């Protein structure tokens, strides 16, 4: 059974950068499309970005397009976050199909 594990969340200042990672344990996810979602305090979970299994097709939410980049290699999926804003503060989750990780917290200070 696949388990998704996110890492890389931390406190960062507005305008800074960080990279989140998503790894799968128990099974390879190299043939899966993978998505990043986020959930801010008091808000519903929202889509951030996704990438198909080859890495050739990516999609972004309007709120992060041009600032975030999703990528993947054989082992992990990454979310490079540049020029972060306080409104990017959230727990970030990766998912493959119906499988979700536990999330990693990103806090952006102004």
Foldseek 3Di string as FASTA:
>chain_A
DKAKAKDWADEEEAQAKTKMKIFIPPDWCLQFKKFKWWDDPPGDIGGAKIAHSVRPDMDGDPVQPPAWDWGDDRTIIMIIGGRDDQVVFTFMWMDTVPHIYPTGTHGYHD
